[in-house]
Amino acid sequence: DQQPVYPAALDLPNLLVVTSADDFARPAEG
C-alpha cells in the first residue's frame, strides 16, 4: 500500500491478490 508492486497494487474488481502464510497462519517472513 505504501511501496506498490504491480500488478498487485492495481485497483481492478476482477483482480485477486495473494501472499504466502506460514505454519502459524501469519504472513510469512519476507
mmCIF file of all heavy atoms, coordinates in Angstrom:
data_MODEL
# 
_entry.id   MODEL 
# 
loop_
_atom_site.group_PDB 
_atom_site.id 
_atom_site.type_symbol 
_atom_site.label_atom_id 
_atom_site.label_alt_id 
_atom_site.label_comp_id 
_atom_site.label_asym_id 
_atom_site.label_entity_id 
_atom_site.label_seq_id 
_atom_site.pdbx_PDB_ins_code 
_atom_site.Cartn_x 
_atom_site.Cartn_y 
_atom_site.Cartn_z 
_atom_site.occupancy 
_atom_site.B_iso_or_equiv 
_atom_site.pdbx_formal_charge 
_atom_site.auth_seq_id 
_atom_site.auth_comp_id 
_atom_site.auth_asym_id 
_atom_site.auth_atom_id 
_atom_site.pdbx_PDB_model_num 
ATOM 1   N N   . ASP A 1 1  ? 0.846   -1.202  0.000   1.00 0.00 ? 1  ASP A N   1 
ATOM 2   C CA  . ASP A 1 1  ? 0.000   0.000   0.000   1.00 0.00 ? 1  ASP A CA  1 
ATOM 3   C C   . ASP A 1 1  ? 0.877   1.246   0.000   1.00 0.00 ? 1  ASP A C   1 
ATOM 4   O O   . ASP A 1 1  ? 0.499   2.289   -0.557  1.00 0.00 ? 1  ASP A O   1 
ATOM 5   C CB  . ASP A 1 1  ? -0.908  0.030   1.226   1.00 0.00 ? 1  ASP A CB  1 
ATOM 6   C CG  . ASP A 1 1  ? -1.997  -1.019  1.179   1.00 0.00 ? 1  ASP A CG  1 
ATOM 7   O OD1 . ASP A 1 1  ? -2.186  -1.636  0.113   1.00 0.00 ? 1  ASP A OD1 1 
ATOM 8   O OD2 . ASP A 1 1  ? -2.649  -1.231  2.216   1.00 0.00 ? 1  ASP A OD2 1 
ATOM 9   N N   . GLN A 1 2  ? 2.043   1.154   0.658   1.00 0.00 ? 2  GLN A N   1 
ATOM 10  C CA  . GLN A 1 2  ? 2.958   2.284   0.773   1.00 0.00 ? 2  GLN A CA  1 
ATOM 11  C C   . GLN A 1 2  ? 4.031   2.269   -0.315  1.00 0.00 ? 2  GLN A C   1 
ATOM 12  O O   . GLN A 1 2  ? 4.430   3.312   -0.818  1.00 0.00 ? 2  GLN A O   1 
ATOM 13  C CB  . GLN A 1 2  ? 3.627   2.274   2.157   1.00 0.00 ? 2  GLN A CB  1 
ATOM 14  C CG  . GLN A 1 2  ? 2.657   2.268   3.320   1.00 0.00 ? 2  GLN A CG  1 
ATOM 15  C CD  . GLN A 1 2  ? 1.750   3.484   3.320   1.00 0.00 ? 2  GLN A CD  1 
ATOM 16  O OE1 . GLN A 1 2  ? 2.218   4.605   3.039   1.00 0.00 ? 2  GLN A OE1 1 
ATOM 17  N NE2 . GLN A 1 2  ? 0.479   3.296   3.628   1.00 0.00 ? 2  GLN A NE2 1 
ATOM 18  N N   . GLN A 1 3  ? 4.527   1.095   -0.641  1.00 0.00 ? 3  GLN A N   1 
ATOM 19  C CA  . GLN A 1 3  ? 5.528   0.930   -1.694  1.00 0.00 ? 3  GLN A CA  1 
ATOM 20  C C   . GLN A 1 3  ? 4.980   -0.080  -2.692  1.00 0.00 ? 3  GLN A C   1 
ATOM 21  O O   . GLN A 1 3  ? 5.227   -1.273  -2.575  1.00 0.00 ? 3  GLN A O   1 
ATOM 22  C CB  . GLN A 1 3  ? 6.858   0.445   -1.117  1.00 0.00 ? 3  GLN A CB  1 
ATOM 23  C CG  . GLN A 1 3  ? 7.535   1.432   -0.177  1.00 0.00 ? 3  GLN A CG  1 
ATOM 24  C CD  . GLN A 1 3  ? 8.812   0.842   0.378   1.00 0.00 ? 3  GLN A CD  1 
ATOM 25  O OE1 . GLN A 1 3  ? 8.791   0.082   1.342   1.00 0.00 ? 3  GLN A OE1 1 
ATOM 26  N NE2 . GLN A 1 3  ? 9.929   1.182   -0.237  1.00 0.00 ? 3  GLN A NE2 1 
ATOM 27  N N   . PRO A 1 4  ? 4.239   0.369   -3.669  1.00 0.00 ? 4  PRO A N   1 
ATOM 28  C CA  . PRO A 1 4  ? 3.480   -0.553  -4.519  1.00 0.00 ? 4  PRO A CA  1 
ATOM 29  C C   . PRO A 1 4  ? 4.350   -1.508  -5.328  1.00 0.00 ? 4  PRO A C   1 
ATOM 30  O O   . PRO A 1 4  ? 5.469   -1.194  -5.732  1.00 0.00 ? 4  PRO A O   1 
ATOM 31  C CB  . PRO A 1 4  ? 2.700   0.388   -5.454  1.00 0.00 ? 4  PRO A CB  1 
ATOM 32  C CG  . PRO A 1 4  ? 2.665   1.701   -4.743  1.00 0.00 ? 4  PRO A CG  1 
ATOM 33  C CD  . PRO A 1 4  ? 3.947   1.779   -3.998  1.00 0.00 ? 4  PRO A CD  1 
ATOM 34  N N   . VAL A 1 5  ? 3.789   -2.677  -5.547  1.00 0.00 ? 5  VAL A N   1 
ATOM 35  C CA  . VAL A 1 5  ? 4.277   -3.652  -6.518  1.00 0.00 ? 5  VAL A CA  1 
ATOM 36  C C   . VAL A 1 5  ? 3.131   -3.882  -7.489  1.00 0.00 ? 5  VAL A C   1 
ATOM 37  O O   . VAL A 1 5  ? 1.966   -3.986  -7.087  1.00 0.00 ? 5  VAL A O   1 
ATOM 38  C CB  . VAL A 1 5  ? 4.685   -4.973  -5.830  1.00 0.00 ? 5  VAL A CB  1 
ATOM 39  C CG1 . VAL A 1 5  ? 4.882   -6.082  -6.857  1.00 0.00 ? 5  VAL A CG1 1 
ATOM 40  C CG2 . VAL A 1 5  ? 5.948   -4.783  -5.012  1.00 0.00 ? 5  VAL A CG2 1 
ATOM 41  N N   . TYR A 1 6  ? 3.453   -3.961  -8.763  1.00 0.00 ? 6  TYR A N   1 
ATOM 42  C CA  . TYR A 1 6  ? 2.426   -4.110  -9.797  1.00 0.00 ? 6  TYR A CA  1 
ATOM 43  C C   . TYR A 1 6  ? 2.596   -5.456  -10.503 1.00 0.00 ? 6  TYR A C   1 
ATOM 44  O O   . TYR A 1 6  ? 3.713   -5.946  -10.635 1.00 0.00 ? 6  TYR A O   1 
ATOM 45  C CB  . TYR A 1 6  ? 2.533   -2.957  -10.804 1.00 0.00 ? 6  TYR A CB  1 
ATOM 46  C CG  . TYR A 1 6  ? 2.318   -1.611  -10.175 1.00 0.00 ? 6  TYR A CG  1 
ATOM 47  C CD1 . TYR A 1 6  ? 3.409   -0.821  -9.798  1.00 0.00 ? 6  TYR A CD1 1 
ATOM 48  C CD2 . TYR A 1 6  ? 1.030   -1.148  -9.907  1.00 0.00 ? 6  TYR A CD2 1 
ATOM 49  C CE1 . TYR A 1 6  ? 3.212   0.411   -9.194  1.00 0.00 ? 6  TYR A CE1 1 
ATOM 50  C CE2 . TYR A 1 6  ? 0.834   0.088   -9.306  1.00 0.00 ? 6  TYR A CE2 1 
ATOM 51  C CZ  . TYR A 1 6  ? 1.920   0.852   -8.951  1.00 0.00 ? 6  TYR A CZ  1 
ATOM 52  O OH  . TYR A 1 6  ? 1.719   2.069   -8.350  1.00 0.00 ? 6  TYR A OH  1 
ATOM 53  N N   . PRO A 1 7  ? 1.478   -6.081  -10.874 1.00 0.00 ? 7  PRO A N   1 
ATOM 54  C CA  . PRO A 1 7  ? 0.101   -5.567  -10.935 1.00 0.00 ? 7  PRO A CA  1 
ATOM 55  C C   . PRO A 1 7  ? -0.679  -5.631  -9.624  1.00 0.00 ? 7  PRO A C   1 
ATOM 56  O O   . PRO A 1 7  ? -1.843  -5.228  -9.589  1.00 0.00 ? 7  PRO A O   1 
ATOM 57  C CB  . PRO A 1 7  ? -0.548  -6.478  -11.961 1.00 0.00 ? 7  PRO A CB  1 
ATOM 58  C CG  . PRO A 1 7  ? 0.119   -7.793  -11.747 1.00 0.00 ? 7  PRO A CG  1 
ATOM 59  C CD  . PRO A 1 7  ? 1.552   -7.455  -11.445 1.00 0.00 ? 7  PRO A CD  1 
ATOM 60  N N   . ALA A 1 8  ? -0.070  -6.142  -8.546  1.00 0.00 ? 8  ALA A N   1 
ATOM 61  C CA  . ALA A 1 8  ? -0.833  -6.379  -7.318  1.00 0.00 ? 8  ALA A CA  1 
ATOM 62  C C   . ALA A 1 8  ? -1.518  -5.119  -6.801  1.00 0.00 ? 8  ALA A C   1 
ATOM 63  O O   . ALA A 1 8  ? -2.624  -5.184  -6.242  1.00 0.00 ? 8  ALA A O   1 
ATOM 64  C CB  . ALA A 1 8  ? 0.083   -6.956  -6.243  1.00 0.00 ? 8  ALA A CB  1 
ATOM 65  N N   . ALA A 1 9  ? -0.893  -3.960  -6.953  1.00 0.00 ? 9  ALA A N   1 
ATOM 66  C CA  . ALA A 1 9  ? -1.435  -2.728  -6.386  1.00 0.00 ? 9  ALA A CA  1 
ATOM 67  C C   . ALA A 1 9  ? -2.486  -2.061  -7.268  1.00 0.00 ? 9  ALA A C   1 
ATOM 68  O O   . ALA A 1 9  ? -3.029  -1.008  -6.894  1.00 0.00 ? 9  ALA A O   1 
ATOM 69  C CB  . ALA A 1 9  ? -0.301  -1.744  -6.099  1.00 0.00 ? 9  ALA A CB  1 
ATOM 70  N N   . LEU A 1 10 ? -2.797  -2.647  -8.406  1.00 0.00 ? 10 LEU A N   1 
ATOM 71  C CA  . LEU A 1 10 ? -3.813  -2.049  -9.282  1.00 0.00 ? 10 LEU A CA  1 
ATOM 72  C C   . LEU A 1 10 ? -5.206  -2.233  -8.680  1.00 0.00 ? 10 LEU A C   1 
ATOM 73  O O   . LEU A 1 10 ? -5.505  -3.245  -8.067  1.00 0.00 ? 10 LEU A O   1 
ATOM 74  C CB  . LEU A 1 10 ? -3.767  -2.707  -10.661 1.00 0.00 ? 10 LEU A CB  1 
ATOM 75  C CG  . LEU A 1 10 ? -2.472  -2.522  -11.454 1.00 0.00 ? 10 LEU A CG  1 
ATOM 76  C CD1 . LEU A 1 10 ? -2.536  -3.318  -12.747 1.00 0.00 ? 10 LEU A CD1 1 
ATOM 77  C CD2 . LEU A 1 10 ? -2.200  -1.041  -11.743 1.00 0.00 ? 10 LEU A CD2 1 
ATOM 78  N N   . ASP A 1 11 ? -6.057  -1.249  -8.889  1.00 0.00 ? 11 ASP A N   1 
ATOM 79  C CA  . ASP A 1 11 ? -7.426  -1.290  -8.365  1.00 0.00 ? 11 ASP A CA  1 
ATOM 80  C C   . ASP A 1 11 ? -8.349  -1.821  -9.454  1.00 0.00 ? 11 ASP A C   1 
ATOM 81  O O   . ASP A 1 11 ? -8.924  -1.069  -10.229 1.00 0.00 ? 11 ASP A O   1 
ATOM 82  C CB  . ASP A 1 11 ? -7.849  0.110   -7.915  1.00 0.00 ? 11 ASP A CB  1 
ATOM 83  C CG  . ASP A 1 11 ? -9.226  0.113   -7.270  1.00 0.00 ? 11 ASP A CG  1 
ATOM 84  O OD1 . ASP A 1 11 ? -9.717  -0.979  -6.932  1.00 0.00 ? 11 ASP A OD1 1 
ATOM 85  O OD2 . ASP A 1 11 ? -9.803  1.201   -7.106  1.00 0.00 ? 11 ASP A OD2 1 
ATOM 86  N N   . LEU A 1 12 ? -8.478  -3.140  -9.508  1.00 0.00 ? 12 LEU A N   1 
ATOM 87  C CA  . LEU A 1 12 ? -9.314  -3.794  -10.501 1.00 0.00 ? 12 LEU A CA  1 
ATOM 88  C C   . LEU A 1 12 ? -10.310 -4.710  -9.801  1.00 0.00 ? 12 LEU A C   1 
ATOM 89  O O   . LEU A 1 12 ? -9.918  -5.505  -8.943  1.00 0.00 ? 12 LEU A O   1 
ATOM 90  C CB  . LEU A 1 12 ? -8.465  -4.628  -11.464 1.00 0.00 ? 12 LEU A CB  1 
ATOM 91  C CG  . LEU A 1 12 ? -7.564  -3.885  -12.444 1.00 0.00 ? 12 LEU A CG  1 
ATOM 92  C CD1 . LEU A 1 12 ? -6.584  -4.862  -13.094 1.00 0.00 ? 12 LEU A CD1 1 
ATOM 93  C CD2 . LEU A 1 12 ? -8.406  -3.193  -13.505 1.00 0.00 ? 12 LEU A CD2 1 
ATOM 94  N N   . PRO A 1 13 ? -11.580 -4.656  -10.146 1.00 0.00 ? 13 PRO A N   1 
ATOM 95  C CA  . PRO A 1 13 ? -12.566 -5.504  -9.468  1.00 0.00 ? 13 PRO A CA  1 
ATOM 96  C C   . PRO A 1 13 ? -12.387 -6.994  -9.762  1.00 0.00 ? 13 PRO A C   1 
ATOM 97  O O   . PRO A 1 13 ? -12.869 -7.830  -8.990  1.00 0.00 ? 13 PRO A O   1 
ATOM 98  C CB  . PRO A 1 13 ? -13.909 -4.992  -9.999  1.00 0.00 ? 13 PRO A CB  1 
ATOM 99  C CG  . PRO A 1 13 ? -13.585 -4.334  -11.301 1.00 0.00 ? 13 PRO A CG  1 
ATOM 100 C CD  . PRO A 1 13 ? -12.220 -3.756  -11.138 1.00 0.00 ? 13 PRO A CD  1 
ATOM 101 N N   . ASN A 1 14 ? -11.714 -7.328  -10.853 1.00 0.00 ? 14 ASN A N   1 
ATOM 102 C CA  . ASN A 1 14 ? -11.507 -8.726  -11.200 1.00 0.00 ? 14 ASN A CA  1 
ATOM 103 C C   . ASN A 1 14 ? -10.067 -9.177  -10.958 1.00 0.00 ? 14 ASN A C   1 
ATOM 104 O O   . ASN A 1 14 ? -9.590  -10.138 -11.566 1.00 0.00 ? 14 ASN A O   1 
ATOM 105 C CB  . ASN A 1 14 ? -11.900 -9.002  -12.657 1.00 0.00 ? 14 ASN A CB  1 
ATOM 106 C CG  . ASN A 1 14 ? -11.215 -8.076  -13.641 1.00 0.00 ? 14 ASN A CG  1 
ATOM 107 O OD1 . ASN A 1 14 ? -10.787 -6.980  -13.290 1.00 0.00 ? 14 ASN A OD1 1 
ATOM 108 N ND2 . ASN A 1 14 ? -11.116 -8.516  -14.896 1.00 0.00 ? 14 ASN A ND2 1 
ATOM 109 N N   . LEU A 1 15 ? -9.381  -8.495  -10.026 1.00 0.00 ? 15 LEU A N   1 
ATOM 110 C CA  . LEU A 1 15 ? -8.015  -8.856  -9.642  1.00 0.00 ? 15 LEU A CA  1 
ATOM 111 C C   . LEU A 1 15 ? -8.007  -9.312  -8.190  1.00 0.00 ? 15 LEU A C   1 
ATOM 112 O O   . LEU A 1 15 ? -8.453  -8.599  -7.291  1.00 0.00 ? 15 LEU A O   1 
ATOM 113 C CB  . LEU A 1 15 ? -7.076  -7.655  -9.805  1.00 0.00 ? 15 LEU A CB  1 
ATOM 114 C CG  . LEU A 1 15 ? -5.620  -7.868  -9.354  1.00 0.00 ? 15 LEU A CG  1 
ATOM 115 C CD1 . LEU A 1 15 ? -4.921  -8.870  -10.260 1.00 0.00 ? 15 LEU A CD1 1 
ATOM 116 C CD2 . LEU A 1 15 ? -4.861  -6.537  -9.333  1.00 0.00 ? 15 LEU A CD2 1 
ATOM 117 N N   . LEU A 1 16 ? -7.515  -10.518 -7.949  1.00 0.00 ? 16 LEU A N   1 
ATOM 118 C CA  . LEU A 1 16 ? -7.383  -11.086 -6.616  1.00 0.00 ? 16 LEU A CA  1 
ATOM 119 C C   . LEU A 1 16 ? -5.892  -11.177 -6.309  1.00 0.00 ? 16 LEU A C   1 
ATOM 120 O O   . LEU A 1 16 ? -5.125  -11.742 -7.094  1.00 0.00 ? 16 LEU A O   1 
ATOM 121 C CB  . LEU A 1 16 ? -8.022  -12.473 -6.570  1.00 0.00 ? 16 LEU A CB  1 
ATOM 122 C CG  . LEU A 1 16 ? -8.119  -13.187 -5.229  1.00 0.00 ? 16 LEU A CG  1 
ATOM 123 C CD1 . LEU A 1 16 ? -9.117  -12.478 -4.316  1.00 0.00 ? 16 LEU A CD1 1 
ATOM 124 C CD2 . LEU A 1 16 ? -8.530  -14.632 -5.437  1.00 0.00 ? 16 LEU A CD2 1 
ATOM 125 N N   . VAL A 1 17 ? -5.464  -10.623 -5.171  1.00 0.00 ? 17 VAL A N   1 
ATOM 126 C CA  . VAL A 1 17 ? -4.041  -10.567 -4.825  1.00 0.00 ? 17 VAL A CA  1 
ATOM 127 C C   . VAL A 1 17 ? -3.781  -11.431 -3.604  1.00 0.00 ? 17 VAL A C   1 
ATOM 128 O O   . VAL A 1 17 ? -4.499  -11.340 -2.601  1.00 0.00 ? 17 VAL A O   1 
ATOM 129 C CB  . VAL A 1 17 ? -3.595  -9.116  -4.575  1.00 0.00 ? 17 VAL A CB  1 
ATOM 130 C CG1 . VAL A 1 17 ? -2.110  -9.066  -4.215  1.00 0.00 ? 17 VAL A CG1 1 
ATOM 131 C CG2 . VAL A 1 17 ? -3.875  -8.249  -5.799  1.00 0.00 ? 17 VAL A CG2 1 
ATOM 132 N N   . VAL A 1 18 ? -2.748  -12.256 -3.686  1.00 0.00 ? 18 VAL A N   1 
ATOM 133 C CA  . VAL A 1 18 ? -2.471  -13.210 -2.615  1.00 0.00 ? 18 VAL A CA  1 
ATOM 134 C C   . VAL A 1 18 ? -1.008  -13.146 -2.204  1.00 0.00 ? 18 VAL A C   1 
ATOM 135 O O   . VAL A 1 18 ? -0.131  -12.811 -2.997  1.00 0.00 ? 18 VAL A O   1 
ATOM 136 C CB  . VAL A 1 18 ? -2.839  -14.645 -3.029  1.00 0.00 ? 18 VAL A CB  1 
ATOM 137 C CG1 . VAL A 1 18 ? -4.340  -14.772 -3.229  1.00 0.00 ? 18 VAL A CG1 1 
ATOM 138 C CG2 . VAL A 1 18 ? -2.091  -15.082 -4.283  1.00 0.00 ? 18 VAL A CG2 1 
ATOM 139 N N   . THR A 1 19 ? -0.783  -13.488 -0.940  1.00 0.00 ? 19 THR A N   1 
ATOM 140 C CA  . THR A 1 19 ? 0.572   -13.602 -0.404  1.00 0.00 ? 19 THR A CA  1 
ATOM 141 C C   . THR A 1 19 ? 0.675   -14.919 0.335   1.00 0.00 ? 19 THR A C   1 
ATOM 142 O O   . THR A 1 19 ? -0.298  -15.666 0.440   1.00 0.00 ? 19 THR A O   1 
ATOM 143 C CB  . THR A 1 19 ? 0.912   -12.405 0.498   1.00 0.00 ? 19 THR A CB  1 
ATOM 144 O OG1 . THR A 1 19 ? 2.324   -12.348 0.731   1.00 0.00 ? 19 THR A OG1 1 
ATOM 145 C CG2 . THR A 1 19 ? 0.169   -12.464 1.827   1.00 0.00 ? 19 THR A CG2 1 
ATOM 146 N N   . SER A 1 20 ? 1.846   -15.223 0.856   1.00 0.00 ? 20 SER A N   1 
ATOM 147 C CA  . SER A 1 20 ? 2.085   -16.534 1.465   1.00 0.00 ? 20 SER A CA  1 
ATOM 148 C C   . SER A 1 20 ? 1.943   -16.466 2.982   1.00 0.00 ? 20 SER A C   1 
ATOM 149 O O   . SER A 1 20 ? 2.349   -15.496 3.621   1.00 0.00 ? 20 SER A O   1 
ATOM 150 C CB  . SER A 1 20 ? 3.485   -17.024 1.106   1.00 0.00 ? 20 SER A CB  1 
ATOM 151 O OG  . SER A 1 20 ? 3.745   -18.289 1.684   1.00 0.00 ? 20 SER A OG  1 
ATOM 152 N N   . ALA A 1 21 ? 1.363   -17.535 3.555   1.00 0.00 ? 21 ALA A N   1 
ATOM 153 C CA  . ALA A 1 21 ? 1.203   -17.671 5.003   1.00 0.00 ? 21 ALA A CA  1 
ATOM 154 C C   . ALA A 1 21 ? 2.124   -18.766 5.516   1.00 0.00 ? 21 ALA A C   1 
ATOM 155 O O   . ALA A 1 21 ? 2.364   -19.775 4.838   1.00 0.00 ? 21 ALA A O   1 
ATOM 156 C CB  . ALA A 1 21 ? -0.245  -18.000 5.355   1.00 0.00 ? 21 ALA A CB  1 
ATOM 157 N N   . ASP A 1 22 ? 2.614   -18.599 6.747   1.00 0.00 ? 22 ASP A N   1 
ATOM 158 C CA  . ASP A 1 22 ? 3.478   -19.613 7.336   1.00 0.00 ? 22 ASP A CA  1 
ATOM 159 C C   . ASP A 1 22 ? 2.667   -20.608 8.156   1.00 0.00 ? 22 ASP A C   1 
ATOM 160 O O   . ASP A 1 22 ? 1.430   -20.567 8.183   1.00 0.00 ? 22 ASP A O   1 
ATOM 161 C CB  . ASP A 1 22 ? 4.582   -18.963 8.176   1.00 0.00 ? 22 ASP A CB  1 
ATOM 162 C CG  . ASP A 1 22 ? 4.060   -18.194 9.397   1.00 0.00 ? 22 ASP A CG  1 
ATOM 163 O OD1 . ASP A 1 22 ? 2.881   -18.367 9.785   1.00 0.00 ? 22 ASP A OD1 1 
ATOM 164 O OD2 . ASP A 1 22 ? 4.842   -17.427 9.981   1.00 0.00 ? 22 ASP A OD2 1 
ATOM 165 N N   . ASP A 1 23 ? 3.345   -21.512 8.864   1.00 0.00 ? 23 ASP A N   1 
ATOM 166 C CA  . ASP A 1 23 ? 2.675   -22.544 9.648   1.00 0.00 ? 23 ASP A CA  1 
ATOM 167 C C   . ASP A 1 23 ? 1.884   -21.978 10.820  1.00 0.00 ? 23 ASP A C   1 
ATOM 168 O O   . ASP A 1 23 ? 1.059   -22.685 11.407  1.00 0.00 ? 23 ASP A O   1 
ATOM 169 C CB  . ASP A 1 23 ? 3.695   -23.551 10.188  1.00 0.00 ? 23 ASP A CB  1 
ATOM 170 C CG  . ASP A 1 23 ? 4.254   -24.451 9.100   1.00 0.00 ? 23 ASP A CG  1 
ATOM 171 O OD1 . ASP A 1 23 ? 3.605   -24.565 8.047   1.00 0.00 ? 23 ASP A OD1 1 
ATOM 172 O OD2 . ASP A 1 23 ? 5.334   -25.044 9.302   1.00 0.00 ? 23 ASP A OD2 1 
ATOM 173 N N   . PHE A 1 24 ? 2.150   -20.729 11.183  1.00 0.00 ? 24 PHE A N   1 
ATOM 174 C CA  . PHE A 1 24 ? 1.433   -20.094 12.284  1.00 0.00 ? 24 PHE A CA  1 
ATOM 175 C C   . PHE A 1 24 ? 0.248   -19.274 11.791  1.00 0.00 ? 24 PHE A C   1 
ATOM 176 O O   . PHE A 1 24 ? -0.336  -18.503 12.550  1.00 0.00 ? 24 PHE A O   1 
ATOM 177 C CB  . PHE A 1 24 ? 2.390   -19.208 13.098  1.00 0.00 ? 24 PHE A CB  1 
ATOM 178 C CG  . PHE A 1 24 ? 3.368   -19.976 13.931  1.00 0.00 ? 24 PHE A CG  1 
ATOM 179 C CD1 . PHE A 1 24 ? 4.528   -20.480 13.368  1.00 0.00 ? 24 PHE A CD1 1 
ATOM 180 C CD2 . PHE A 1 24 ? 3.121   -20.229 15.271  1.00 0.00 ? 24 PHE A CD2 1 
ATOM 181 C CE1 . PHE A 1 24 ? 5.429   -21.217 14.127  1.00 0.00 ? 24 PHE A CE1 1 
ATOM 182 C CE2 . PHE A 1 24 ? 4.011   -20.958 16.037  1.00 0.00 ? 24 PHE A CE2 1 
ATOM 183 C CZ  . PHE A 1 24 ? 5.173   -21.456 15.461  1.00 0.00 ? 24 PHE A CZ  1 
ATOM 184 N N   . ALA A 1 25 ? -0.106  -19.437 10.523  1.00 0.00 ? 25 ALA A N   1 
ATOM 185 C CA  . ALA A 1 25 ? -1.224  -18.708 9.916   1.00 0.00 ? 25 ALA A CA  1 
ATOM 186 C C   . ALA A 1 25 ? -0.993  -17.204 9.970   1.00 0.00 ? 25 ALA A C   1 
ATOM 187 O O   . ALA A 1 25 ? -1.915  -16.424 10.173  1.00 0.00 ? 25 ALA A O   1 
ATOM 188 C CB  . ALA A 1 25 ? -2.552  -19.077 10.580  1.00 0.00 ? 25 ALA A CB  1 
ATOM 189 N N   . ARG A 1 26 ? 0.262   -16.808 9.758   1.00 0.00 ? 26 ARG A N   1 
ATOM 190 C CA  . ARG A 1 26 ? 0.647   -15.403 9.680   1.00 0.00 ? 26 ARG A CA  1 
ATOM 191 C C   . ARG A 1 26 ? 1.285   -15.142 8.321   1.00 0.00 ? 26 ARG A C   1 
ATOM 192 O O   . ARG A 1 26 ? 1.761   -16.075 7.679   1.00 0.00 ? 26 ARG A O   1 
ATOM 193 C CB  . ARG A 1 26 ? 1.679   -15.071 10.771  1.00 0.00 ? 26 ARG A CB  1 
ATOM 194 C CG  . ARG A 1 26 ? 1.292   -15.415 12.176  1.00 0.00 ? 26 ARG A CG  1 
ATOM 195 C CD  . ARG A 1 26 ? 2.463   -15.253 13.125  1.00 0.00 ? 26 ARG A CD  1 
ATOM 196 N NE  . ARG A 1 26 ? 3.614   -16.054 12.717  1.00 0.00 ? 26 ARG A NE  1 
ATOM 197 C CZ  . ARG A 1 26 ? 4.638   -16.351 13.518  1.00 0.00 ? 26 ARG A CZ  1 
ATOM 198 N NH1 . ARG A 1 26 ? 4.639   -15.908 14.766  1.00 0.00 ? 26 ARG A NH1 1 
ATOM 199 N NH2 . ARG A 1 26 ? 5.654   -17.082 13.082  1.00 0.00 ? 26 ARG A NH2 1 
ATOM 200 N N   . PRO A 1 27 ? 1.338   -13.872 7.890   1.00 0.00 ? 27 PRO A N   1 
ATOM 201 C CA  . PRO A 1 27 ? 2.114   -13.595 6.679   1.00 0.00 ? 27 PRO A CA  1 
ATOM 202 C C   . PRO A 1 27 ? 3.542   -14.099 6.860   1.00 0.00 ? 27 PRO A C   1 
ATOM 203 O O   . PRO A 1 27 ? 4.184   -13.824 7.870   1.00 0.00 ? 27 PRO A O   1 
ATOM 204 C CB  . PRO A 1 27 ? 2.061   -12.064 6.579   1.00 0.00 ? 27 PRO A CB  1 
ATOM 205 C CG  . PRO A 1 27 ? 0.792   -11.686 7.283   1.00 0.00 ? 27 PRO A CG  1 
ATOM 206 C CD  . PRO A 1 27 ? 0.675   -12.660 8.427   1.00 0.00 ? 27 PRO A CD  1 
ATOM 207 N N   . ALA A 1 28 ? 4.026   -14.852 5.895   1.00 0.00 ? 28 ALA A N   1 
ATOM 208 C CA  . ALA A 1 28 ? 5.334   -15.480 6.014   1.00 0.00 ? 28 ALA A CA  1 
ATOM 209 C C   . ALA A 1 28 ? 6.445   -14.433 6.006   1.00 0.00 ? 28 ALA A C   1 
ATOM 210 O O   . ALA A 1 28 ? 6.291   -13.321 5.490   1.00 0.00 ? 28 ALA A O   1 
ATOM 211 C CB  . ALA A 1 28 ? 5.537   -16.472 4.872   1.00 0.00 ? 28 ALA A CB  1 
ATOM 212 N N   . GLU A 1 29 ? 7.578   -14.812 6.569   1.00 0.00 ? 29 GLU A N   1 
ATOM 213 C CA  . GLU A 1 29 ? 8.721   -13.917 6.610   1.00 0.00 ? 29 GLU A CA  1 
ATOM 214 C C   . GLU A 1 29 ? 9.167   -13.569 5.190   1.00 0.00 ? 29 GLU A C   1 
ATOM 215 O O   . GLU A 1 29 ? 9.329   -14.444 4.334   1.00 0.00 ? 29 GLU A O   1 
ATOM 216 C CB  . GLU A 1 29 ? 9.875   -14.576 7.361   1.00 0.00 ? 29 GLU A CB  1 
ATOM 217 C CG  . GLU A 1 29 ? 11.098  -13.692 7.512   1.00 0.00 ? 29 GLU A CG  1 
ATOM 218 C CD  . GLU A 1 29 ? 12.210  -14.344 8.303   1.00 0.00 ? 29 GLU A CD  1 
ATOM 219 O OE1 . GLU A 1 29 ? 12.016  -15.498 8.759   1.00 0.00 ? 29 GLU A OE1 1 
ATOM 220 O OE2 . GLU A 1 29 ? 13.264  -13.716 8.465   1.00 0.00 ? 29 GLU A OE2 1 
ATOM 221 N N   . GLY A 1 30 ? 9.345   -12.288 4.931   1.00 0.00 ? 30 GLY A N   1 
ATOM 222 C CA  . GLY A 1 30 ? 9.871   -11.838 3.656   1.00 0.00 ? 30 GLY A CA  1 
ATOM 223 C C   . GLY A 1 30 ? 8.854   -11.566 2.575   1.00 0.00 ? 30 GLY A C   1 
ATOM 224 O O   . GLY A 1 30 ? 9.211   -11.045 1.514   1.00 0.00 ? 30 GLY A O   1 
# 
